Amino acid sequence: IHTRYCIWGDWSDLGKDDHYFLNCSFRIDQKKVIIAKQSLPEIQVSIANKTRLYQPEASLRQYATEHGLDPENFSVITGAEKKRWAMGCFPADLERDIRCYQGGIKRNEDTRKYHKFLTDRDRLVGEELLRCSIVKSGLSTTWLDELMKEWEKTYNQFVQIFN
């Protein structure tokens, strides 16, 4: 679900005629945004006596393989993770990280000492869920691609300086 204020989510628990009113102070000054129902395709599988939502996303599997992690476990997206990104705002979190990296570069200060950045997995999961929602809605992913390029460029510059 997308608005121009980057409220995204999987609101599959809503009925087709239901609406969800969200107060979002950081971007839209408590204006109400009606969010319509949209759900992502999912397959429920049982893993270690827990039912989890499994989405075989290629980039998650690729990242796991490249970093010597188990692709099966790494690509499992739990219901809690889906809710986190449904209730949160991935683009806003990513933009915050970009600003913190840029601030650290400008001040020549490693901001990882006092700021908790998105983990690689959080970033990948958030991007995949968001991209899937955009594609399902028939909208262009160009702005997301540009945001991810900006994050990657800023992150690489930061890492070159502070690693």
N, C-alpha and C. Protein backbone atom coordinates (compact mmCIF):
# COMPACT_ATOMS: atom_id res chain seq x y z
N ILE A 1 0.86 -1.17 0.00
CA ILE A 1 0.00 0.00 0.00
C ILE A 1 0.89 1.22 0.00
N HIS A 2 0.62 2.14 -0.86
CA HIS A 2 1.52 3.28 -1.01
C HIS A 2 0.74 4.58 -0.99
N THR A 3 1.28 5.52 -0.28
CA THR A 3 0.81 6.90 -0.41
C THR A 3 2.04 7.72 -0.73
N ARG A 4 1.86 8.96 -1.07
CA ARG A 4 3.04 9.76 -1.37
C ARG A 4 3.86 10.04 -0.13
N TYR A 5 3.34 9.67 1.04
CA TYR A 5 4.10 9.85 2.28
C TYR A 5 4.75 8.55 2.72
N CYS A 6 4.86 7.60 1.83
CA CYS A 6 5.54 6.31 2.01
C CYS A 6 5.00 5.50 3.17
N ILE A 7 3.71 5.31 3.21
CA ILE A 7 3.10 4.38 4.16
C ILE A 7 2.86 3.10 3.39
N TRP A 8 3.56 2.05 3.75
CA TRP A 8 3.46 0.79 3.03
C TRP A 8 3.03 -0.29 3.98
N GLY A 9 2.43 -1.34 3.47
CA GLY A 9 2.15 -2.44 4.36
C GLY A 9 1.31 -3.52 3.74
N ASP A 10 1.20 -4.59 4.46
CA ASP A 10 0.35 -5.71 4.10
C ASP A 10 -0.79 -5.71 5.11
N TRP A 11 -1.93 -5.25 4.71
CA TRP A 11 -3.08 -5.12 5.61
C TRP A 11 -4.09 -6.22 5.30
N SER A 12 -3.62 -7.47 5.20
CA SER A 12 -4.46 -8.57 4.77
C SER A 12 -5.55 -8.92 5.78
N ASP A 13 -5.43 -8.44 7.02
CA ASP A 13 -6.46 -8.74 8.01
C ASP A 13 -7.70 -7.86 7.84
N LEU A 14 -7.63 -6.84 7.00
CA LEU A 14 -8.78 -5.97 6.76
C LEU A 14 -9.70 -6.58 5.73
N GLY A 15 -10.99 -6.35 5.88
CA GLY A 15 -11.95 -6.78 4.87
C GLY A 15 -11.86 -5.87 3.66
N LYS A 16 -12.49 -6.30 2.56
CA LYS A 16 -12.33 -5.51 1.33
C LYS A 16 -12.97 -4.14 1.42
N ASP A 17 -13.94 -3.95 2.31
CA ASP A 17 -14.58 -2.65 2.46
C ASP A 17 -14.07 -1.88 3.68
N ASP A 18 -13.11 -2.46 4.41
CA ASP A 18 -12.57 -1.81 5.60
C ASP A 18 -11.51 -0.78 5.22
N HIS A 19 -11.31 0.17 6.11
CA HIS A 19 -10.25 1.16 5.96
C HIS A 19 -9.48 1.22 7.27
N TYR A 20 -8.24 1.61 7.18
CA TYR A 20 -7.40 1.76 8.36
C TYR A 20 -6.93 3.21 8.39
N PHE A 21 -7.19 3.89 9.49
CA PHE A 21 -6.76 5.27 9.63
C PHE A 21 -5.46 5.30 10.42
N LEU A 22 -4.45 5.88 9.85
CA LEU A 22 -3.12 5.89 10.46
C LEU A 22 -2.71 7.31 10.75
N ASN A 23 -2.33 7.56 12.00
CA ASN A 23 -1.77 8.86 12.36
C ASN A 23 -0.25 8.72 12.31
N CYS A 24 0.39 9.51 11.53
CA CYS A 24 1.82 9.39 11.30
C CYS A 24 2.45 10.76 11.51
N SER A 25 3.00 11.00 12.69
CA SER A 25 3.46 12.34 13.05
C SER A 25 4.72 12.79 12.34
N PHE A 26 5.59 11.85 11.94
CA PHE A 26 6.89 12.26 11.42
C PHE A 26 6.85 12.82 10.01
N ARG A 27 5.81 12.55 9.25
CA ARG A 27 5.79 13.02 7.88
C ARG A 27 4.53 13.81 7.53
N ILE A 28 3.40 13.44 8.12
CA ILE A 28 2.17 14.04 7.64
C ILE A 28 1.38 14.76 8.73
N ASP A 29 2.02 15.08 9.83
CA ASP A 29 1.44 15.91 10.87
C ASP A 29 0.05 15.45 11.31
N GLN A 30 -0.08 14.19 11.63
CA GLN A 30 -1.30 13.61 12.17
C GLN A 30 -2.49 13.62 11.21
N LYS A 31 -2.25 13.83 9.93
CA LYS A 31 -3.34 13.72 8.97
C LYS A 31 -3.71 12.25 8.83
N LYS A 32 -4.96 12.00 8.60
CA LYS A 32 -5.40 10.61 8.46
C LYS A 32 -5.18 10.14 7.03
N VAL A 33 -4.62 8.97 6.92
CA VAL A 33 -4.38 8.37 5.62
C VAL A 33 -5.19 7.09 5.56
N ILE A 34 -6.02 6.96 4.56
CA ILE A 34 -6.80 5.74 4.40
C ILE A 34 -5.94 4.73 3.65
N ILE A 35 -5.79 3.60 4.26
CA ILE A 35 -4.98 2.56 3.65
C ILE A 35 -5.90 1.40 3.28
N ALA A 36 -5.93 1.07 2.02
CA ALA A 36 -6.80 0.00 1.53
C ALA A 36 -6.14 -1.35 1.69
N LYS A 37 -6.94 -2.38 1.57
CA LYS A 37 -6.43 -3.73 1.74
C LYS A 37 -5.52 -4.13 0.59
N GLN A 38 -4.41 -4.76 0.95
CA GLN A 38 -3.53 -5.36 -0.05
C GLN A 38 -2.75 -6.45 0.65
N SER A 39 -2.63 -7.60 0.05
CA SER A 39 -1.85 -8.67 0.67
C SER A 39 -0.83 -9.18 -0.32
N LEU A 40 0.28 -9.65 0.22
CA LEU A 40 1.34 -10.20 -0.60
C LEU A 40 1.15 -11.70 -0.71
N PRO A 41 1.56 -12.31 -1.83
CA PRO A 41 1.46 -13.76 -1.94
C PRO A 41 2.37 -14.41 -0.92
N GLU A 42 1.89 -15.46 -0.32
CA GLU A 42 2.71 -16.12 0.70
C GLU A 42 2.37 -17.59 0.77
N ILE A 43 3.31 -18.36 1.26
CA ILE A 43 3.12 -19.78 1.48
C ILE A 43 3.47 -20.02 2.93
N GLN A 44 2.57 -20.67 3.66
CA GLN A 44 2.89 -20.96 5.06
C GLN A 44 3.58 -22.31 5.13
N VAL A 45 4.70 -22.34 5.84
CA VAL A 45 5.43 -23.58 6.04
C VAL A 45 5.74 -23.73 7.52
N SER A 46 5.91 -24.96 7.94
CA SER A 46 6.23 -25.21 9.34
C SER A 46 7.73 -25.43 9.46
N ILE A 47 8.38 -24.61 10.28
CA ILE A 47 9.81 -24.71 10.49
C ILE A 47 10.06 -24.74 11.99
N ALA A 48 10.61 -25.82 12.46
CA ALA A 48 10.92 -25.98 13.89
C ALA A 48 9.70 -25.67 14.75
N ASN A 49 8.57 -26.31 14.46
CA ASN A 49 7.33 -26.16 15.21
C ASN A 49 6.78 -24.74 15.21
N LYS A 50 7.16 -23.93 14.26
CA LYS A 50 6.64 -22.57 14.15
C LYS A 50 6.15 -22.37 12.72
N THR A 51 5.00 -21.77 12.58
CA THR A 51 4.51 -21.45 11.25
C THR A 51 5.07 -20.10 10.87
N ARG A 52 5.71 -20.04 9.74
CA ARG A 52 6.31 -18.79 9.28
C ARG A 52 5.82 -18.51 7.87
N LEU A 53 5.88 -17.27 7.49
CA LEU A 53 5.53 -16.90 6.14
C LEU A 53 6.80 -16.99 5.30
N TYR A 54 6.71 -17.72 4.22
CA TYR A 54 7.89 -17.96 3.39
C TYR A 54 7.67 -17.33 2.03
N GLN A 55 8.58 -16.49 1.63
CA GLN A 55 8.55 -15.90 0.30
C GLN A 55 9.92 -16.12 -0.33
N PRO A 56 9.97 -16.92 -1.36
CA PRO A 56 11.27 -17.24 -1.96
C PRO A 56 11.82 -16.08 -2.78
N GLU A 57 12.35 -15.09 -2.12
CA GLU A 57 12.88 -13.90 -2.79
C GLU A 57 14.32 -14.14 -3.22
N ALA A 58 14.58 -13.87 -4.47
CA ALA A 58 15.89 -14.16 -5.06
C ALA A 58 17.02 -13.38 -4.40
N SER A 59 16.79 -12.11 -4.09
CA SER A 59 17.89 -11.31 -3.54
C SER A 59 18.28 -11.78 -2.13
N LEU A 60 17.31 -12.26 -1.36
CA LEU A 60 17.63 -12.78 -0.02
C LEU A 60 18.48 -14.05 -0.14
N ARG A 61 18.08 -14.93 -1.04
CA ARG A 61 18.84 -16.16 -1.25
C ARG A 61 20.25 -15.85 -1.78
N GLN A 62 20.32 -14.91 -2.72
CA GLN A 62 21.61 -14.55 -3.30
C GLN A 62 22.54 -13.97 -2.22
N TYR A 63 22.03 -13.06 -1.39
CA TYR A 63 22.83 -12.46 -0.32
C TYR A 63 23.34 -13.55 0.62
N ALA A 64 22.44 -14.48 1.01
CA ALA A 64 22.83 -15.55 1.92
C ALA A 64 23.94 -16.40 1.32
N THR A 65 23.80 -16.75 0.06
CA THR A 65 24.81 -17.56 -0.62
C THR A 65 26.14 -16.84 -0.68
N GLU A 66 26.11 -15.55 -1.04
CA GLU A 66 27.35 -14.77 -1.16
C GLU A 66 28.06 -14.59 0.18
N HIS A 67 27.31 -14.62 1.28
CA HIS A 67 27.91 -14.39 2.60
C HIS A 67 28.02 -15.67 3.43
N GLY A 68 27.89 -16.82 2.79
CA GLY A 68 28.09 -18.09 3.46
C GLY A 68 27.02 -18.43 4.48
N LEU A 69 25.81 -17.93 4.29
CA LEU A 69 24.69 -18.21 5.19
C LEU A 69 23.76 -19.23 4.55
N ASP A 70 22.92 -19.85 5.35
CA ASP A 70 21.96 -20.82 4.84
C ASP A 70 20.83 -20.09 4.11
N PRO A 71 20.72 -20.25 2.79
CA PRO A 71 19.69 -19.53 2.03
C PRO A 71 18.27 -19.86 2.47
N GLU A 72 18.02 -21.12 2.87
CA GLU A 72 16.67 -21.50 3.30
C GLU A 72 16.24 -20.72 4.54
N ASN A 73 17.10 -20.68 5.54
CA ASN A 73 16.76 -19.97 6.78
C ASN A 73 16.78 -18.46 6.58
N PHE A 74 17.73 -17.96 5.82
CA PHE A 74 17.87 -16.51 5.64
C PHE A 74 16.70 -15.92 4.87
N SER A 75 16.11 -16.69 3.95
CA SER A 75 15.03 -16.17 3.12
C SER A 75 13.64 -16.33 3.73
N VAL A 76 13.56 -16.88 4.95
CA VAL A 76 12.28 -17.00 5.63
C VAL A 76 11.90 -15.64 6.22
N ILE A 77 10.76 -15.12 5.81
CA ILE A 77 10.26 -13.86 6.34
C ILE A 77 9.14 -14.18 7.31
N THR A 78 9.34 -13.88 8.58
CA THR A 78 8.35 -14.21 9.59
C THR A 78 7.18 -13.24 9.56
N GLY A 79 6.10 -13.66 10.19
CA GLY A 79 4.94 -12.78 10.31
C GLY A 79 5.29 -11.52 11.07
N ALA A 80 6.14 -11.64 12.08
CA ALA A 80 6.56 -10.46 12.87
C ALA A 80 7.32 -9.47 12.00
N GLU A 81 8.17 -9.97 11.11
CA GLU A 81 8.90 -9.08 10.21
C GLU A 81 7.95 -8.38 9.25
N LYS A 82 6.99 -9.12 8.73
CA LYS A 82 6.02 -8.51 7.82
C LYS A 82 5.23 -7.42 8.54
N LYS A 83 4.84 -7.69 9.79
CA LYS A 83 4.10 -6.68 10.56
C LYS A 83 4.97 -5.47 10.84
N ARG A 84 6.24 -5.71 11.15
CA ARG A 84 7.15 -4.59 11.43
C ARG A 84 7.19 -3.63 10.25
N TRP A 85 7.36 -4.18 9.05
CA TRP A 85 7.45 -3.32 7.88
C TRP A 85 6.09 -2.80 7.43
N ALA A 86 5.01 -3.52 7.78
CA ALA A 86 3.67 -3.03 7.48
C ALA A 86 3.35 -1.82 8.36
N MET A 87 3.78 -1.86 9.60
CA MET A 87 3.50 -0.77 10.54
C MET A 87 4.56 0.33 10.46
N GLY A 88 5.75 -0.02 10.02
CA GLY A 88 6.82 0.96 9.91
C GLY A 88 6.86 1.57 8.53
N CYS A 89 7.87 2.32 8.29
CA CYS A 89 8.00 2.97 6.99
C CYS A 89 9.42 2.75 6.50
N PHE A 90 9.62 1.70 5.71
CA PHE A 90 10.95 1.33 5.24
C PHE A 90 11.67 2.48 4.53
N PRO A 91 11.02 3.18 3.59
CA PRO A 91 11.74 4.28 2.93
C PRO A 91 12.21 5.35 3.91
N ALA A 92 11.39 5.66 4.92
CA ALA A 92 11.79 6.67 5.91
C ALA A 92 12.97 6.17 6.73
N ASP A 93 12.97 4.88 7.11
CA ASP A 93 14.10 4.31 7.85
C ASP A 93 15.37 4.35 7.01
N LEU A 94 15.24 4.03 5.74
CA LEU A 94 16.40 4.04 4.85
C LEU A 94 16.92 5.46 4.65
N GLU A 95 16.02 6.41 4.47
CA GLU A 95 16.42 7.82 4.33
C GLU A 95 17.11 8.33 5.60
N ARG A 96 16.63 7.91 6.76
CA ARG A 96 17.26 8.28 8.03
C ARG A 96 18.69 7.75 8.08
N ASP A 97 18.87 6.49 7.68
CA ASP A 97 20.22 5.91 7.66
C ASP A 97 21.12 6.68 6.70
N ILE A 98 20.60 7.05 5.54
CA ILE A 98 21.39 7.82 4.57
C ILE A 98 21.84 9.13 5.19
N ARG A 99 20.92 9.83 5.86
CA ARG A 99 21.27 11.11 6.50
C ARG A 99 22.31 10.92 7.59
N CYS A 100 22.20 9.85 8.37
CA CYS A 100 23.18 9.59 9.44
C CYS A 100 24.56 9.27 8.85
N TYR A 101 24.59 8.47 7.79
CA TYR A 101 25.87 8.18 7.12
C TYR A 101 26.47 9.47 6.57
N GLN A 102 25.64 10.29 5.90
CA GLN A 102 26.14 11.55 5.33
C GLN A 102 26.63 12.50 6.42
N GLY A 103 25.91 12.55 7.55
CA GLY A 103 26.34 13.39 8.66
C GLY A 103 27.67 12.94 9.23
N GLY A 104 27.85 11.62 9.34
CA GLY A 104 29.11 11.08 9.82
C GLY A 104 30.26 11.41 8.88
N ILE A 105 30.01 11.31 7.59
CA ILE A 105 31.03 11.64 6.59
C ILE A 105 31.40 13.12 6.70
N LYS A 106 30.39 13.96 6.80
CA LYS A 106 30.61 15.41 6.86
C LYS A 106 31.40 15.80 8.11
N ARG A 107 31.07 15.16 9.26
CA ARG A 107 31.75 15.49 10.53
C ARG A 107 32.99 14.64 10.77
N ASN A 108 33.28 13.71 9.83
CA ASN A 108 34.37 12.76 9.99
C ASN A 108 34.23 12.00 11.31
N GLU A 109 33.05 11.44 11.51
CA GLU A 109 32.71 10.76 12.76
C GLU A 109 31.98 9.46 12.43
N ASP A 110 32.39 8.37 13.07
CA ASP A 110 31.75 7.08 12.85
C ASP A 110 30.45 7.03 13.65
N THR A 111 29.33 7.24 12.97
CA THR A 111 28.03 7.32 13.65
C THR A 111 27.51 5.96 14.10
N ARG A 112 28.18 4.88 13.74
CA ARG A 112 27.75 3.55 14.20
C ARG A 112 27.94 3.39 15.70
N LYS A 113 28.75 4.27 16.30
CA LYS A 113 28.99 4.20 17.74
C LYS A 113 27.75 4.53 18.55
N TYR A 114 26.87 5.37 18.01
CA TYR A 114 25.70 5.79 18.78
C TYR A 114 24.38 5.71 18.01
N HIS A 115 24.40 5.25 16.78
CA HIS A 115 23.16 5.13 16.01
C HIS A 115 23.02 3.69 15.53
N LYS A 116 21.84 3.12 15.73
CA LYS A 116 21.59 1.76 15.26
C LYS A 116 21.02 1.83 13.84
N PHE A 117 21.78 1.35 12.90
CA PHE A 117 21.38 1.33 11.50
C PHE A 117 20.60 0.05 11.19
N LEU A 118 19.88 0.05 10.08
CA LEU A 118 19.22 -1.16 9.62
C LEU A 118 20.28 -2.23 9.37
N THR A 119 19.98 -3.46 9.76
CA THR A 119 20.89 -4.55 9.43
C THR A 119 20.73 -4.86 7.94
N ASP A 120 21.69 -5.60 7.40
CA ASP A 120 21.59 -5.98 5.99
C ASP A 120 20.30 -6.76 5.74
N ARG A 121 19.97 -7.66 6.66
CA ARG A 121 18.76 -8.47 6.49
C ARG A 121 17.51 -7.60 6.56
N ASP A 122 17.45 -6.69 7.53
CA ASP A 122 16.30 -5.78 7.63
C ASP A 122 16.13 -4.98 6.34
N ARG A 123 17.23 -4.49 5.82
CA ARG A 123 17.19 -3.70 4.60
C ARG A 123 16.70 -4.54 3.42
N LEU A 124 17.22 -5.75 3.29
CA LEU A 124 16.83 -6.62 2.18
C LEU A 124 15.36 -7.04 2.28
N VAL A 125 14.93 -7.41 3.50
CA VAL A 125 13.53 -7.83 3.69
C VAL A 125 12.60 -6.65 3.43
N GLY A 126 12.93 -5.49 3.99
CA GLY A 126 12.11 -4.31 3.77
C GLY A 126 12.00 -3.95 2.30
N GLU A 127 13.12 -4.01 1.61
CA GLU A 127 13.12 -3.70 0.17
C GLU A 127 12.28 -4.70 -0.61
N GLU A 128 12.43 -5.99 -0.31
CA GLU A 128 11.68 -7.02 -1.03
C GLU A 128 10.17 -6.87 -0.82
N LEU A 129 9.76 -6.66 0.43
CA LEU A 129 8.33 -6.51 0.70
C LEU A 129 7.78 -5.27 0.02
N LEU A 130 8.52 -4.19 0.07
CA LEU A 130 8.10 -2.95 -0.56
C LEU A 130 8.03 -3.11 -2.09
N ARG A 131 9.06 -3.70 -2.66
CA ARG A 131 9.10 -3.89 -4.12
C ARG A 131 7.94 -4.77 -4.57
N CYS A 132 7.66 -5.82 -3.82
CA CYS A 132 6.54 -6.71 -4.17
C CYS A 132 5.22 -5.94 -4.14
N SER A 133 5.04 -5.10 -3.13
CA SER A 133 3.81 -4.29 -3.04
C SER A 133 3.69 -3.32 -4.21
N ILE A 134 4.80 -2.70 -4.58
CA ILE A 134 4.78 -1.74 -5.69
C ILE A 134 4.44 -2.45 -7.00
N VAL A 135 5.09 -3.58 -7.24
CA VAL A 135 4.86 -4.33 -8.47
C VAL A 135 3.41 -4.81 -8.54
N LYS A 136 2.89 -5.31 -7.42
CA LYS A 136 1.49 -5.78 -7.40
C LYS A 136 0.52 -4.65 -7.68
N SER A 137 0.85 -3.45 -7.26
CA SER A 137 -0.05 -2.32 -7.48
C SER A 137 0.07 -1.75 -8.89
N GLY A 138 1.06 -2.23 -9.65
CA GLY A 138 1.24 -1.78 -11.02
C GLY A 138 1.98 -0.46 -11.15
N LEU A 139 2.59 0.01 -10.06
CA LEU A 139 3.33 1.27 -10.10
C LEU A 139 4.79 1.02 -10.47
N SER A 140 5.48 2.06 -10.80
CA SER A 140 6.89 1.98 -11.17
C SER A 140 7.76 1.88 -9.92
N THR A 141 8.81 1.09 -10.01
CA THR A 141 9.76 0.95 -8.90
C THR A 141 10.97 1.87 -9.07
N THR A 142 10.91 2.78 -10.02
CA THR A 142 12.06 3.65 -10.31
C THR A 142 12.51 4.43 -9.09
N TRP A 143 11.56 5.00 -8.34
CA TRP A 143 11.94 5.80 -7.18
C TRP A 143 12.62 4.93 -6.12
N LEU A 144 12.16 3.67 -5.96
CA LEU A 144 12.79 2.77 -5.01
C LEU A 144 14.19 2.40 -5.49
N ASP A 145 14.33 2.14 -6.78
CA ASP A 145 15.66 1.84 -7.34
C ASP A 145 16.63 2.99 -7.08
N GLU A 146 16.16 4.22 -7.29
CA GLU A 146 17.00 5.41 -7.06
C GLU A 146 17.37 5.55 -5.58
N LEU A 147 16.40 5.30 -4.69
CA LEU A 147 16.67 5.37 -3.25
C LEU A 147 17.70 4.33 -2.84
N MET A 148 17.58 3.11 -3.37
CA MET A 148 18.53 2.06 -3.04
C MET A 148 19.92 2.39 -3.59
N LYS A 149 20.00 2.98 -4.78
CA LYS A 149 21.30 3.40 -5.33
C LYS A 149 21.93 4.48 -4.46
N GLU A 150 21.11 5.42 -4.01
CA GLU A 150 21.63 6.49 -3.14
C GLU A 150 22.15 5.90 -1.83
N TRP A 151 21.39 4.95 -1.25
CA TRP A 151 21.83 4.31 -0.01
C TRP A 151 23.16 3.59 -0.23
N GLU A 152 23.24 2.81 -1.32
CA GLU A 152 24.45 2.04 -1.59
C GLU A 152 25.66 2.95 -1.79
N LYS A 153 25.49 4.02 -2.54
CA LYS A 153 26.58 4.97 -2.78
C LYS A 153 27.05 5.60 -1.47
N THR A 154 26.10 6.06 -0.66
CA THR A 154 26.44 6.70 0.62
C THR A 154 27.08 5.71 1.57
N TYR A 155 26.51 4.50 1.65
CA TYR A 155 27.04 3.46 2.53
C TYR A 155 28.48 3.10 2.13
N ASN A 156 28.70 2.89 0.85
CA ASN A 156 30.06 2.53 0.38
C ASN A 156 31.06 3.63 0.69
N GLN A 157 30.66 4.87 0.52
CA GLN A 157 31.54 6.00 0.84
C GLN A 157 31.86 6.00 2.34
N PHE A 158 30.84 5.77 3.17
CA PHE A 158 31.01 5.74 4.62
C PHE A 158 31.97 4.61 5.03
N VAL A 159 31.75 3.43 4.46
CA VAL A 159 32.57 2.27 4.80
C VAL A 159 34.02 2.48 4.37
N GLN A 160 34.25 3.10 3.23
CA GLN A 160 35.62 3.38 2.79
C GLN A 160 36.36 4.27 3.78
N ILE A 161 35.64 5.19 4.38
CA ILE A 161 36.26 6.13 5.32
C ILE A 161 36.49 5.49 6.68
N PHE A 162 35.51 4.72 7.18
CA PHE A 162 35.55 4.27 8.57
C PHE A 162 35.86 2.79 8.78
N ASN A 163 36.17 2.05 7.74
CA ASN A 163 36.57 0.65 7.95
C ASN A 163 38.03 0.46 7.69
